[in-house]
Amino acid sequence: MRVYIMTDLEGVAGVTNFVDWCTPAGRYYDTAKELLTQEVNAAVDGFIAGGATEIVVADGHGAGAINPLLLDPRVELMRG
């Protein structure tokens, strides 16, 4: 099974407003990016457990919100 995940910071659990969390100058921007990456990794674990053989993750936040150093190595990351 192939899985495609589309992400964006505005949908992450714990992200409560745009200015503080979703802009590069926001005081919680780095935390939001880490939370997003952790959510993606949790989803990847579930998809793999469910039989996924290929997972592609699209980082939909223009400035790049997924931390590739923390991202599960079993996925392919798309940006742009």
C-alpha atoms as a PDB file:
ATOM      1  CA  MET A   1       0.000   0.000   0.000  1.00  0.00           C
ATOM      2  CA  ARG A   2       1.259   3.473  -0.894  1.00  0.00           C
ATOM      3  CA  VAL A   3       0.438   6.455   1.339  1.00  0.00           C
ATOM      4  CA  TYR A   4       0.632  10.186   0.632  1.00  0.00           C
ATOM      5  CA  ILE A   5       0.543  12.586   3.605  1.00  0.00           C
ATOM      6  CA  MET A   6      -0.002  16.328   3.077  1.00  0.00           C
ATOM      7  CA  THR A   7       0.926  18.518   6.047  1.00  0.00           C
ATOM      8  CA  ASP A   8       0.725  22.120   7.185  1.00  0.00           C
ATOM      9  CA  LEU A   9       1.483  23.815  10.506  1.00  0.00           C
ATOM     10  CA  GLU A  10      -2.008  25.223  10.942  1.00  0.00           C
ATOM     11  CA  GLY A  11      -3.439  21.751  11.609  1.00  0.00           C
ATOM     12  CA  VAL A  12      -0.989  20.592  14.280  1.00  0.00           C
ATOM     13  CA  ALA A  13      -2.286  19.732  17.753  1.00  0.00           C
ATOM     14  CA  GLY A  14      -1.193  22.441  20.173  1.00  0.00           C
ATOM     15  CA  VAL A  15      -0.735  25.171  17.571  1.00  0.00           C
ATOM     16  CA  THR A  16      -3.089  27.836  18.844  1.00  0.00           C
ATOM     17  CA  ASN A  17      -2.543  30.868  16.639  1.00  0.00           C
ATOM     18  CA  PHE A  18      -0.865  31.793  13.393  1.00  0.00           C
ATOM     19  CA  VAL A  19       1.422  34.640  14.458  1.00  0.00           C
ATOM     20  CA  ASP A  20       3.196  32.906  17.356  1.00  0.00           C
ATOM     21  CA  TRP A  21       3.335  29.400  15.890  1.00  0.00           C
ATOM     22  CA  CYS A  22       3.260  29.474  12.082  1.00  0.00           C
ATOM     23  CA  THR A  23       5.592  32.274  11.034  1.00  0.00           C
ATOM     24  CA  PRO A  24       9.402  32.062  11.074  1.00  0.00           C
ATOM     25  CA  ALA A  25       9.545  35.059  13.441  1.00  0.00           C
ATOM     26  CA  GLY A  26       6.986  33.516  15.803  1.00  0.00           C
ATOM     27  CA  ARG A  27       8.182  32.698  19.305  1.00  0.00           C
ATOM     28  CA  TYR A  28       6.928  29.090  19.100  1.00  0.00           C
ATOM     29  CA  TYR A  29       7.782  28.398  15.442  1.00  0.00           C
ATOM     30  CA  ASP A  30      10.548  25.879  16.178  1.00  0.00           C
ATOM     31  CA  THR A  31       8.298  24.085  18.665  1.00  0.00           C
ATOM     32  CA  ALA A  32       5.496  23.921  16.096  1.00  0.00           C
ATOM     33  CA  LYS A  33       7.859  22.387  13.525  1.00  0.00           C
ATOM     34  CA  GLU A  34       8.940  19.753  16.031  1.00  0.00           C
ATOM     35  CA  LEU A  35       5.311  18.967  16.933  1.00  0.00           C
ATOM     36  CA  LEU A  36       4.431  18.586  13.254  1.00  0.00           C
ATOM     37  CA  THR A  37       7.346  16.232  12.663  1.00  0.00           C
ATOM     38  CA  GLN A  38       6.346  14.149  15.698  1.00  0.00           C
ATOM     39  CA  GLU A  39       2.749  13.925  14.447  1.00  0.00           C
ATOM     40  CA  VAL A  40       3.947  12.780  11.027  1.00  0.00           C
ATOM     41  CA  ASN A  41       6.186  10.160  12.633  1.00  0.00           C
ATOM     42  CA  ALA A  42       3.247   8.840  14.675  1.00  0.00           C
ATOM     43  CA  ALA A  43       1.139   8.583  11.524  1.00  0.00           C
ATOM     44  CA  VAL A  44       3.990   6.788   9.742  1.00  0.00           C
ATOM     45  CA  ASP A  45       4.171   4.222  12.553  1.00  0.00           C
ATOM     46  CA  GLY A  46       0.450   3.572  12.149  1.00  0.00           C
ATOM     47  CA  PHE A  47       0.602   3.301   8.373  1.00  0.00           C
ATOM     48  CA  ILE A  48       3.557   0.888   8.531  1.00  0.00           C
ATOM     49  CA  ALA A  49       1.721  -1.217  11.120  1.00  0.00           C
ATOM     50  CA  GLY A  50      -1.263  -1.234   8.767  1.00  0.00           C
ATOM     51  CA  GLY A  51       0.770  -2.555   5.853  1.00  0.00           C
ATOM     52  CA  ALA A  52       2.067   0.527   4.055  1.00  0.00           C
ATOM     53  CA  THR A  53       5.088  -0.163   1.873  1.00  0.00           C
ATOM     54  CA  GLU A  54       5.763   3.367   0.620  1.00  0.00           C
ATOM     55  CA  ILE A  55       5.057   6.686   2.352  1.00  0.00           C
ATOM     56  CA  VAL A  56       5.524  10.119   0.804  1.00  0.00           C
ATOM     57  CA  VAL A  57       5.185  13.206   3.007  1.00  0.00           C
ATOM     58  CA  ALA A  58       4.562  16.612   1.441  1.00  0.00           C
ATOM     59  CA  ASP A  59       5.561  19.604   3.540  1.00  0.00           C
ATOM     60  CA  GLY A  60       2.823  22.058   2.650  1.00  0.00           C
ATOM     61  CA  HIS A  61       4.092  24.978   4.707  1.00  0.00           C
ATOM     62  CA  GLY A  62       5.851  27.399   2.380  1.00  0.00           C
ATOM     63  CA  ALA A  63       8.886  27.984   4.588  1.00  0.00           C
ATOM     64  CA  GLY A  64       9.362  24.263   5.246  1.00  0.00           C
ATOM     65  CA  ALA A  65       7.921  23.060   8.510  1.00  0.00           C
ATOM     66  CA  ILE A  66       9.051  19.445   8.801  1.00  0.00           C
ATOM     67  CA  ASN A  67      12.412  18.905  10.439  1.00  0.00           C
ATOM     68  CA  PRO A  68      14.149  16.375   8.156  1.00  0.00           C
ATOM     69  CA  LEU A  69      16.631  15.470  10.907  1.00  0.00           C
ATOM     70  CA  LEU A  70      13.766  14.268  13.120  1.00  0.00           C
ATOM     71  CA  LEU A  71      11.653  12.726  10.353  1.00  0.00           C
ATOM     72  CA  ASP A  72      11.248   8.956  10.223  1.00  0.00           C
ATOM     73  CA  PRO A  73      13.794   7.650   7.687  1.00  0.00           C
ATOM     74  CA  ARG A  74      11.197   5.296   6.156  1.00  0.00           C
ATOM     75  CA  VAL A  75       9.494   8.182   4.346  1.00  0.00           C
ATOM     76  CA  GLU A  76      10.275  10.295   1.316  1.00  0.00           C
ATOM     77  CA  LEU A  77       9.984  14.039   2.018  1.00  0.00           C
ATOM     78  CA  MET A  78       8.712  16.406  -0.671  1.00  0.00           C
ATOM     79  CA  ARG A  79       9.113  20.161  -0.363  1.00  0.00           C
ATOM     80  CA  GLY A  80       8.340  23.051  -2.628  1.00  0.00           C
END
